[in-house]
Amino acid sequence: MDLVYVEPMAKLDKLLEHILMRRGDANVQFEALCQLLKKIGFEERIRGDHHIFTMPGVEEILNLQPKNGKGKPYQVNQVRNVILHNRLTIGG
């Protein structure tokens, strides 16, 4: 059984702020980005290295892949746009 590190809520809050304030899309850790989306309420499905996130009530589907342990900058931008467009927050 693999152990999974879970980011503390304060770190996820800071990550959300980092993403929304456009502070370096190339410097977002992929695992933390996935945890943030799950805390917001997205469901994750994994196929190969594709992490597909969907959420009831949200039309957009996020298809993310890691690059050297980080999120791809254009995908972090997509995440930001979905969060802002749908007015999403941690916990609903």
PDB file of N, CA and C in Angstrom:
ATOM      1  N   MET A   1       0.840  -1.175   0.000  1.00  0.00           N
ATOM      2  CA  MET A   1       0.000   0.000   0.000  1.00  0.00           C
ATOM      3  C   MET A   1       0.890   1.244   0.000  1.00  0.00           C
ATOM      4  N   ASP A   2       0.638   2.157  -0.930  1.00  0.00           N
ATOM      5  CA  ASP A   2       1.418   3.389  -1.016  1.00  0.00           C
ATOM      6  C   ASP A   2       0.868   4.427  -0.052  1.00  0.00           C
ATOM      7  N   LEU A   3       1.773   5.120   0.629  1.00  0.00           N
ATOM      8  CA  LEU A   3       1.371   6.220   1.480  1.00  0.00           C
ATOM      9  C   LEU A   3       1.262   7.478   0.635  1.00  0.00           C
ATOM     10  N   VAL A   4       0.240   8.268   0.892  1.00  0.00           N
ATOM     11  CA  VAL A   4       0.015   9.495   0.140  1.00  0.00           C
ATOM     12  C   VAL A   4       0.119  10.660   1.103  1.00  0.00           C
ATOM     13  N   TYR A   5       0.941  11.641   0.758  1.00  0.00           N
ATOM     14  CA  TYR A   5       1.072  12.833   1.583  1.00  0.00           C
ATOM     15  C   TYR A   5      -0.130  13.732   1.326  1.00  0.00           C
ATOM     16  N   VAL A   6      -0.752  14.180   2.397  1.00  0.00           N
ATOM     17  CA  VAL A   6      -1.903  15.072   2.281  1.00  0.00           C
ATOM     18  C   VAL A   6      -1.485  16.451   2.760  1.00  0.00           C
ATOM     19  N   GLU A   7      -1.696  17.442   1.887  1.00  0.00           N
ATOM     20  CA  GLU A   7      -1.358  18.820   2.230  1.00  0.00           C
ATOM     21  C   GLU A   7      -2.269  19.327   3.347  1.00  0.00           C
ATOM     22  N   PRO A   8      -1.708  20.005   4.354  1.00  0.00           N
ATOM     23  CA  PRO A   8      -2.567  20.639   5.362  1.00  0.00           C
ATOM     24  C   PRO A   8      -3.455  21.699   4.700  1.00  0.00           C
ATOM     25  N   MET A   9      -4.614  21.951   5.291  1.00  0.00           N
ATOM     26  CA  MET A   9      -5.576  22.889   4.712  1.00  0.00           C
ATOM     27  C   MET A   9      -4.969  24.268   4.490  1.00  0.00           C
ATOM     28  N   ALA A  10      -4.142  24.745   5.416  1.00  0.00           N
ATOM     29  CA  ALA A  10      -3.537  26.067   5.259  1.00  0.00           C
ATOM     30  C   ALA A  10      -2.680  26.122   3.990  1.00  0.00           C
ATOM     31  N   LYS A  11      -1.978  25.032   3.687  1.00  0.00           N
ATOM     32  CA  LYS A  11      -1.162  25.009   2.471  1.00  0.00           C
ATOM     33  C   LYS A  11      -2.040  25.018   1.234  1.00  0.00           C
ATOM     34  N   LEU A  12      -3.179  24.341   1.296  1.00  0.00           N
ATOM     35  CA  LEU A  12      -4.089  24.349   0.148  1.00  0.00           C
ATOM     36  C   LEU A  12      -4.691  25.740  -0.038  1.00  0.00           C
ATOM     37  N   ASP A  13      -4.996  26.427   1.066  1.00  0.00           N
ATOM     38  CA  ASP A  13      -5.483  27.805   0.975  1.00  0.00           C
ATOM     39  C   ASP A  13      -4.441  28.696   0.303  1.00  0.00           C
ATOM     40  N   LYS A  14      -3.179  28.528   0.702  1.00  0.00           N
ATOM     41  CA  LYS A  14      -2.101  29.324   0.106  1.00  0.00           C
ATOM     42  C   LYS A  14      -1.913  28.979  -1.369  1.00  0.00           C
ATOM     43  N   LEU A  15      -2.046  27.695  -1.700  1.00  0.00           N
ATOM     44  CA  LEU A  15      -1.922  27.291  -3.097  1.00  0.00           C
ATOM     45  C   LEU A  15      -3.041  27.902  -3.927  1.00  0.00           C
ATOM     46  N   LEU A  16      -4.263  27.885  -3.406  1.00  0.00           N
ATOM     47  CA  LEU A  16      -5.387  28.493  -4.120  1.00  0.00           C
ATOM     48  C   LEU A  16      -5.120  29.978  -4.346  1.00  0.00           C
ATOM     49  N   GLU A  17      -4.635  30.662  -3.321  1.00  0.00           N
ATOM     50  CA  GLU A  17      -4.304  32.083  -3.454  1.00  0.00           C
ATOM     51  C   GLU A  17      -3.206  32.277  -4.495  1.00  0.00           C
ATOM     52  N   HIS A  18      -2.182  31.423  -4.463  1.00  0.00           N
ATOM     53  CA  HIS A  18      -1.069  31.479  -5.420  1.00  0.00           C
ATOM     54  C   HIS A  18      -1.595  31.366  -6.855  1.00  0.00           C
ATOM     55  N   ILE A  19      -2.502  30.421  -7.070  1.00  0.00           N
ATOM     56  CA  ILE A  19      -3.050  30.201  -8.414  1.00  0.00           C
ATOM     57  C   ILE A  19      -3.917  31.386  -8.840  1.00  0.00           C
ATOM     58  N   LEU A  20      -4.787  31.840  -7.945  1.00  0.00           N
ATOM     59  CA  LEU A  20      -5.698  32.930  -8.301  1.00  0.00           C
ATOM     60  C   LEU A  20      -4.976  34.254  -8.514  1.00  0.00           C
ATOM     61  N   MET A  21      -3.847  34.442  -7.835  1.00  0.00           N
ATOM     62  CA  MET A  21      -3.091  35.692  -7.972  1.00  0.00           C
ATOM     63  C   MET A  21      -2.081  35.632  -9.120  1.00  0.00           C
ATOM     64  N   ARG A  22      -2.083  34.526  -9.862  1.00  0.00           N
ATOM     65  CA  ARG A  22      -1.206  34.340 -11.028  1.00  0.00           C
ATOM     66  C   ARG A  22       0.273  34.454 -10.657  1.00  0.00           C
ATOM     67  N   ARG A  23       0.651  33.799  -9.575  1.00  0.00           N
ATOM     68  CA  ARG A  23       2.036  33.838  -9.091  1.00  0.00           C
ATOM     69  C   ARG A  23       2.816  32.627  -9.581  1.00  0.00           C
ATOM     70  N   GLY A  24       3.214  32.611 -10.815  1.00  0.00           N
ATOM     71  CA  GLY A  24       4.094  31.560 -11.311  1.00  0.00           C
ATOM     72  C   GLY A  24       3.407  30.234 -11.569  1.00  0.00           C
ATOM     73  N   ASP A  25       2.707  30.133 -12.668  1.00  0.00           N
ATOM     74  CA  ASP A  25       2.002  28.901 -13.010  1.00  0.00           C
ATOM     75  C   ASP A  25       2.953  27.718 -13.193  1.00  0.00           C
ATOM     76  N   ALA A  26       4.215  27.971 -13.474  1.00  0.00           N
ATOM     77  CA  ALA A  26       5.181  26.894 -13.702  1.00  0.00           C
ATOM     78  C   ALA A  26       5.686  26.289 -12.392  1.00  0.00           C
ATOM     79  N   ASN A  27       5.354  26.887 -11.261  1.00  0.00           N
ATOM     80  CA  ASN A  27       5.892  26.432  -9.977  1.00  0.00           C
ATOM     81  C   ASN A  27       4.846  25.799  -9.074  1.00  0.00           C
ATOM     82  N   VAL A  28       3.841  25.162  -9.651  1.00  0.00           N
ATOM     83  CA  VAL A  28       2.787  24.528  -8.864  1.00  0.00           C
ATOM     84  C   VAL A  28       3.033  23.022  -8.830  1.00  0.00           C
ATOM     85  N   GLN A  29       3.218  22.473  -7.626  1.00  0.00           N
ATOM     86  CA  GLN A  29       3.433  21.040  -7.483  1.00  0.00           C
ATOM     87  C   GLN A  29       2.181  20.285  -7.940  1.00  0.00           C
ATOM     88  N   PHE A  30       2.372  19.263  -8.773  1.00  0.00           N
ATOM     89  CA  PHE A  30       1.256  18.545  -9.375  1.00  0.00           C
ATOM     90  C   PHE A  30       0.377  17.870  -8.333  1.00  0.00           C
ATOM     91  N   GLU A  31       0.982  17.171  -7.368  1.00  0.00           N
ATOM     92  CA  GLU A  31       0.191  16.464  -6.357  1.00  0.00           C
ATOM     93  C   GLU A  31      -0.634  17.435  -5.521  1.00  0.00           C
ATOM     94  N   ALA A  32      -0.066  18.588  -5.180  1.00  0.00           N
ATOM     95  CA  ALA A  32      -0.800  19.587  -4.408  1.00  0.00           C
ATOM     96  C   ALA A  32      -1.960  20.144  -5.238  1.00  0.00           C
ATOM     97  N   LEU A  33      -1.750  20.331  -6.537  1.00  0.00           N
ATOM     98  CA  LEU A  33      -2.808  20.812  -7.424  1.00  0.00           C
ATOM     99  C   LEU A  33      -3.966  19.811  -7.454  1.00  0.00           C
ATOM    100  N   CYS A  34      -3.648  18.527  -7.536  1.00  0.00           N
ATOM    101  CA  CYS A  34      -4.678  17.484  -7.535  1.00  0.00           C
ATOM    102  C   CYS A  34      -5.435  17.485  -6.209  1.00  0.00           C
ATOM    103  N   GLN A  35      -4.721  17.609  -5.100  1.00  0.00           N
ATOM    104  CA  GLN A  35      -5.366  17.634  -3.788  1.00  0.00           C
ATOM    105  C   GLN A  35      -6.276  18.850  -3.650  1.00  0.00           C
ATOM    106  N   LEU A  36      -5.830  19.986  -4.178  1.00  0.00           N
ATOM    107  CA  LEU A  36      -6.649  21.194  -4.133  1.00  0.00           C
ATOM    108  C   LEU A  36      -7.958  20.976  -4.884  1.00  0.00           C
ATOM    109  N   LEU A  37      -7.883  20.419  -6.082  1.00  0.00           N
ATOM    110  CA  LEU A  37      -9.095  20.192  -6.868  1.00  0.00           C
ATOM    111  C   LEU A  37     -10.046  19.233  -6.150  1.00  0.00           C
ATOM    112  N   LYS A  38      -9.503  18.213  -5.497  1.00  0.00           N
ATOM    113  CA  LYS A  38     -10.357  17.278  -4.759  1.00  0.00           C
ATOM    114  C   LYS A  38     -11.004  17.967  -3.555  1.00  0.00           C
ATOM    115  N   LYS A  39     -10.272  18.853  -2.862  1.00  0.00           N
ATOM    116  CA  LYS A  39     -10.837  19.598  -1.727  1.00  0.00           C
ATOM    117  C   LYS A  39     -11.935  20.552  -2.184  1.00  0.00           C
ATOM    118  N   ILE A  40     -11.794  21.084  -3.395  1.00  0.00           N
ATOM    119  CA  ILE A  40     -12.818  21.975  -3.945  1.00  0.00           C
ATOM    120  C   ILE A  40     -14.092  21.189  -4.254  1.00  0.00           C
ATOM    121  N   GLY A  41     -13.931  19.898  -4.561  1.00  0.00           N
ATOM    122  CA  GLY A  41     -15.101  19.072  -4.826  1.00  0.00           C
ATOM    123  C   GLY A  41     -15.057  18.293  -6.125  1.00  0.00           C
ATOM    124  N   PHE A  42     -13.939  18.361  -6.830  1.00  0.00           N
ATOM    125  CA  PHE A  42     -13.798  17.616  -8.075  1.00  0.00           C
ATOM    126  C   PHE A  42     -13.570  16.141  -7.790  1.00  0.00           C
ATOM    127  N   GLU A  43     -14.042  15.307  -8.690  1.00  0.00           N
ATOM    128  CA  GLU A  43     -13.772  13.874  -8.639  1.00  0.00           C
ATOM    129  C   GLU A  43     -12.648  13.594  -9.622  1.00  0.00           C
ATOM    130  N   GLU A  44     -11.715  12.722  -9.221  1.00  0.00           N
ATOM    131  CA  GLU A  44     -10.536  12.422 -10.038  1.00  0.00           C
ATOM    132  C   GLU A  44     -10.639  11.018 -10.614  1.00  0.00           C
ATOM    133  N   ARG A  45     -10.334  10.922 -11.899  1.00  0.00           N
ATOM    134  CA  ARG A  45     -10.218   9.637 -12.588  1.00  0.00           C
ATOM    135  C   ARG A  45      -8.849   9.631 -13.239  1.00  0.00           C
ATOM    136  N   ILE A  46      -8.110   8.531 -13.125  1.00  0.00           N
ATOM    137  CA  ILE A  46      -6.748   8.476 -13.655  1.00  0.00           C
ATOM    138  C   ILE A  46      -6.678   7.429 -14.752  1.00  0.00           C
ATOM    139  N   ARG A  47      -6.117   7.851 -15.885  1.00  0.00           N
ATOM    140  CA  ARG A  47      -5.840   6.939 -17.002  1.00  0.00           C
ATOM    141  C   ARG A  47      -4.420   7.214 -17.460  1.00  0.00           C
ATOM    142  N   GLY A  48      -3.520   6.287 -17.135  1.00  0.00           N
ATOM    143  CA  GLY A  48      -2.105   6.517 -17.440  1.00  0.00           C
ATOM    144  C   GLY A  48      -1.609   7.679 -16.604  1.00  0.00           C
ATOM    145  N   ASP A  49      -1.025   8.687 -17.260  1.00  0.00           N
ATOM    146  CA  ASP A  49      -0.586   9.874 -16.518  1.00  0.00           C
ATOM    147  C   ASP A  49      -1.593  11.014 -16.627  1.00  0.00           C
ATOM    148  N   HIS A  50      -2.769  10.738 -17.181  1.00  0.00           N
ATOM    149  CA  HIS A  50      -3.821  11.746 -17.290  1.00  0.00           C
ATOM    150  C   HIS A  50      -4.715  11.683 -16.051  1.00  0.00           C
ATOM    151  N   HIS A  51      -4.815  12.799 -15.372  1.00  0.00           N
ATOM    152  CA  HIS A  51      -5.690  12.934 -14.217  1.00  0.00           C
ATOM    153  C   HIS A  51      -6.864  13.786 -14.681  1.00  0.00           C
ATOM    154  N   ILE A  52      -8.036  13.177 -14.735  1.00  0.00           N
ATOM    155  CA  ILE A  52      -9.214  13.838 -15.292  1.00  0.00           C
ATOM    156  C   ILE A  52     -10.129  14.219 -14.133  1.00  0.00           C
ATOM    157  N   PHE A  53     -10.443  15.499 -14.037  1.00  0.00           N
ATOM    158  CA  PHE A  53     -11.248  16.021 -12.940  1.00  0.00           C
ATOM    159  C   PHE A  53     -12.586  16.519 -13.464  1.00  0.00           C
ATOM    160  N   THR A  54     -13.655  16.035 -12.827  1.00  0.00           N
ATOM    161  CA  THR A  54     -15.006  16.484 -13.162  1.00  0.00           C
ATOM    162  C   THR A  54     -15.726  16.837 -11.864  1.00  0.00           C
ATOM    163  N   MET A  55     -16.759  17.666 -12.016  1.00  0.00           N
ATOM    164  CA  MET A  55     -17.533  18.072 -10.847  1.00  0.00           C
ATOM    165  C   MET A  55     -18.965  18.344 -11.300  1.00  0.00           C
ATOM    166  N   PRO A  56     -19.941  17.801 -10.562  1.00  0.00           N
ATOM    167  CA  PRO A  56     -21.331  18.104 -10.909  1.00  0.00           C
ATOM    168  C   PRO A  56     -21.573  19.609 -10.881  1.00  0.00           C
ATOM    169  N   GLY A  57     -22.246  20.115 -11.887  1.00  0.00           N
ATOM    170  CA  GLY A  57     -22.535  21.542 -11.967  1.00  0.00           C
ATOM    171  C   GLY A  57     -21.455  22.355 -12.660  1.00  0.00           C
ATOM    172  N   VAL A  58     -20.325  21.712 -12.979  1.00  0.00           N
ATOM    173  CA  VAL A  58     -19.239  22.393 -13.681  1.00  0.00           C
ATOM    174  C   VAL A  58     -19.120  21.752 -15.063  1.00  0.00           C
ATOM    175  N   GLU A  59     -19.328  22.554 -16.085  1.00  0.00           N
ATOM    176  CA  GLU A  59     -19.332  22.051 -17.455  1.00  0.00           C
ATOM    177  C   GLU A  59     -17.952  21.596 -17.922  1.00  0.00           C
ATOM    178  N   GLU A  60     -16.920  22.329 -17.511  1.00  0.00           N
ATOM    179  CA  GLU A  60     -15.566  22.049 -17.968  1.00  0.00           C
ATOM    180  C   GLU A  60     -15.021  20.772 -17.346  1.00  0.00           C
ATOM    181  N   ILE A  61     -14.213  20.067 -18.122  1.00  0.00           N
ATOM    182  CA  ILE A  61     -13.483  18.891 -17.654  1.00  0.00           C
ATOM    183  C   ILE A  61     -12.005  19.257 -17.671  1.00  0.00           C
ATOM    184  N   LEU A  62     -11.316  19.013 -16.561  1.00  0.00           N
ATOM    185  CA  LEU A  62      -9.887  19.312 -16.480  1.00  0.00           C
ATOM    186  C   LEU A  62      -9.105  18.028 -16.691  1.00  0.00           C
ATOM    187  N   ASN A  63      -8.229  18.021 -17.679  1.00  0.00           N
ATOM    188  CA  ASN A  63      -7.382  16.874 -17.997  1.00  0.00           C
ATOM    189  C   ASN A  63      -5.942  17.320 -17.756  1.00  0.00           C
ATOM    190  N   LEU A  64      -5.347  16.866 -16.657  1.00  0.00           N
ATOM    191  CA  LEU A  64      -4.028  17.333 -16.240  1.00  0.00           C
ATOM    192  C   LEU A  64      -3.004  16.212 -16.317  1.00  0.00           C
ATOM    193  N   GLN A  65      -1.781  16.574 -16.666  1.00  0.00           N
ATOM    194  CA  GLN A  65      -0.664  15.641 -16.658  1.00  0.00           C
ATOM    195  C   GLN A  65       0.524  16.329 -15.983  1.00  0.00           C
ATOM    196  N   PRO A  66       1.276  15.559 -15.180  1.00  0.00           N
ATOM    197  CA  PRO A  66       2.457  16.154 -14.533  1.00  0.00           C
ATOM    198  C   PRO A  66       3.618  16.297 -15.519  1.00  0.00           C
ATOM    199  N   LYS A  67       4.466  17.260 -15.239  1.00  0.00           N
ATOM    200  CA  LYS A  67       5.714  17.423 -15.980  1.00  0.00           C
ATOM    201  C   LYS A  67       6.785  17.713 -14.944  1.00  0.00           C
ATOM    202  N   ASN A  68       7.662  16.733 -14.740  1.00  0.00           N
ATOM    203  CA  ASN A  68       8.726  16.854 -13.735  1.00  0.00           C
ATOM    204  C   ASN A  68       8.170  17.174 -12.348  1.00  0.00           C
ATOM    205  N   GLY A  69       7.044  16.568 -11.997  1.00  0.00           N
ATOM    206  CA  GLY A  69       6.463  16.739 -10.676  1.00  0.00           C
ATOM    207  C   GLY A  69       5.645  18.005 -10.499  1.00  0.00           C
ATOM    208  N   LYS A  70       5.522  18.782 -11.544  1.00  0.00           N
ATOM    209  CA  LYS A  70       4.777  20.040 -11.462  1.00  0.00           C
ATOM    210  C   LYS A  70       3.652  20.030 -12.476  1.00  0.00           C
ATOM    211  N   GLY A  71       2.689  20.920 -12.247  1.00  0.00           N
ATOM    212  CA  GLY A  71       1.614  21.088 -13.216  1.00  0.00           C
ATOM    213  C   GLY A  71       2.119  21.877 -14.408  1.00  0.00           C
ATOM    214  N   LYS A  72       1.610  21.551 -15.581  1.00  0.00           N
ATOM    215  CA  LYS A  72       1.984  22.316 -16.769  1.00  0.00           C
ATOM    216  C   LYS A  72       1.362  23.705 -16.655  1.00  0.00           C
ATOM    217  N   PRO A  73       2.135  24.763 -16.959  1.00  0.00           N
ATOM    218  CA  PRO A  73       1.628  26.131 -16.775  1.00  0.00           C
ATOM    219  C   PRO A  73       0.294  26.402 -17.468  1.00  0.00           C
ATOM    220  N   TYR A  74       0.106  25.910 -18.679  1.00  0.00           N
ATOM    221  CA  TYR A  74      -1.150  26.201 -19.365  1.00  0.00           C
ATOM    222  C   TYR A  74      -2.314  25.472 -18.690  1.00  0.00           C
ATOM    223  N   GLN A  75      -2.037  24.331 -18.053  1.00  0.00           N
ATOM    224  CA  GLN A  75      -3.090  23.607 -17.345  1.00  0.00           C
ATOM    225  C   GLN A  75      -3.421  24.285 -16.011  1.00  0.00           C
ATOM    226  N   VAL A  76      -2.423  24.850 -15.340  1.00  0.00           N
ATOM    227  CA  VAL A  76      -2.678  25.625 -14.118  1.00  0.00           C
ATOM    228  C   VAL A  76      -3.552  26.826 -14.477  1.00  0.00           C
ATOM    229  N   ASN A  77      -3.294  27.440 -15.625  1.00  0.00           N
ATOM    230  CA  ASN A  77      -4.117  28.548 -16.110  1.00  0.00           C
ATOM    231  C   ASN A  77      -5.554  28.077 -16.348  1.00  0.00           C
ATOM    232  N   GLN A  78      -5.730  26.893 -16.920  1.00  0.00           N
ATOM    233  CA  GLN A  78      -7.073  26.340 -17.133  1.00  0.00           C
ATOM    234  C   GLN A  78      -7.784  26.134 -15.796  1.00  0.00           C
ATOM    235  N   VAL A  79      -7.056  25.609 -14.813  1.00  0.00           N
ATOM    236  CA  VAL A  79      -7.631  25.399 -13.481  1.00  0.00           C
ATOM    237  C   VAL A  79      -8.103  26.743 -12.915  1.00  0.00           C
ATOM    238  N   ARG A  80      -7.269  27.769 -13.005  1.00  0.00           N
ATOM    239  CA  ARG A  80      -7.632  29.100 -12.505  1.00  0.00           C
ATOM    240  C   ARG A  80      -8.896  29.604 -13.187  1.00  0.00           C
ATOM    241  N   ASN A  81      -8.955  29.459 -14.507  1.00  0.00           N
ATOM    242  CA  ASN A  81     -10.123  29.944 -15.245  1.00  0.00           C
ATOM    243  C   ASN A  81     -11.401  29.211 -14.833  1.00  0.00           C
ATOM    244  N   VAL A  82     -11.320  27.907 -14.618  1.00  0.00           N
ATOM    245  CA  VAL A  82     -12.488  27.131 -14.188  1.00  0.00           C
ATOM    246  C   VAL A  82     -12.920  27.550 -12.782  1.00  0.00           C
ATOM    247  N   ILE A  83     -11.948  27.725 -11.882  1.00  0.00           N
ATOM    248  CA  ILE A  83     -12.264  28.147 -10.514  1.00  0.00           C
ATOM    249  C   ILE A  83     -12.944  29.507 -10.528  1.00  0.00           C
ATOM    250  N   LEU A  84     -12.391  30.444 -11.272  1.00  0.00           N
ATOM    251  CA  LEU A  84     -12.961  31.802 -11.313  1.00  0.00           C
ATOM    252  C   LEU A  84     -14.311  31.813 -12.020  1.00  0.00           C
ATOM    253  N   HIS A  85     -14.418  31.155 -13.153  1.00  0.00           N
ATOM    254  CA  HIS A  85     -15.663  31.146 -13.933  1.00  0.00           C
ATOM    255  C   HIS A  85     -16.828  30.555 -13.135  1.00  0.00           C
ATOM    256  N   ASN A  86     -16.544  29.527 -12.350  1.00  0.00           N
ATOM    257  CA  ASN A  86     -17.585  28.840 -11.587  1.00  0.00           C
ATOM    258  C   ASN A  86     -17.666  29.295 -10.129  1.00  0.00           C
ATOM    259  N   ARG A  87     -16.814  30.257  -9.769  1.00  0.00           N
ATOM    260  CA  ARG A  87     -16.789  30.814  -8.413  1.00  0.00           C
ATOM    261  C   ARG A  87     -16.657  29.712  -7.355  1.00  0.00           C
ATOM    262  N   LEU A  88     -15.661  28.863  -7.555  1.00  0.00           N
ATOM    263  CA  LEU A  88     -15.436  27.713  -6.666  1.00  0.00           C
ATOM    264  C   LEU A  88     -14.528  28.095  -5.506  1.00  0.00           C
ATOM    265  N   THR A  89     -14.733  27.423  -4.382  1.00  0.00           N
ATOM    266  CA  THR A  89     -13.888  27.624  -3.206  1.00  0.00           C
ATOM    267  C   THR A  89     -13.610  26.260  -2.575  1.00  0.00           C
ATOM    268  N   ILE A  90     -12.668  26.223  -1.663  1.00  0.00           N
ATOM    269  CA  ILE A  90     -12.376  24.980  -0.947  1.00  0.00           C
ATOM    270  C   ILE A  90     -13.583  24.625  -0.088  1.00  0.00           C
ATOM    271  N   GLY A  91     -14.006  23.400  -0.200  1.00  0.00           N
ATOM    272  CA  GLY A  91     -15.138  22.925   0.591  1.00  0.00           C
ATOM    273  C   GLY A  91     -16.493  23.231  -0.039  1.00  0.00           C
ATOM    274  N   GLY A  92     -16.495  23.627  -1.306  1.00  0.00           N
ATOM    275  CA  GLY A  92     -17.793  23.807  -1.961  1.00  0.00           C
ATOM    276  C   GLY A  92     -17.976  25.180  -2.424  1.00  0.00           C
TER     277      GLY A  92
END
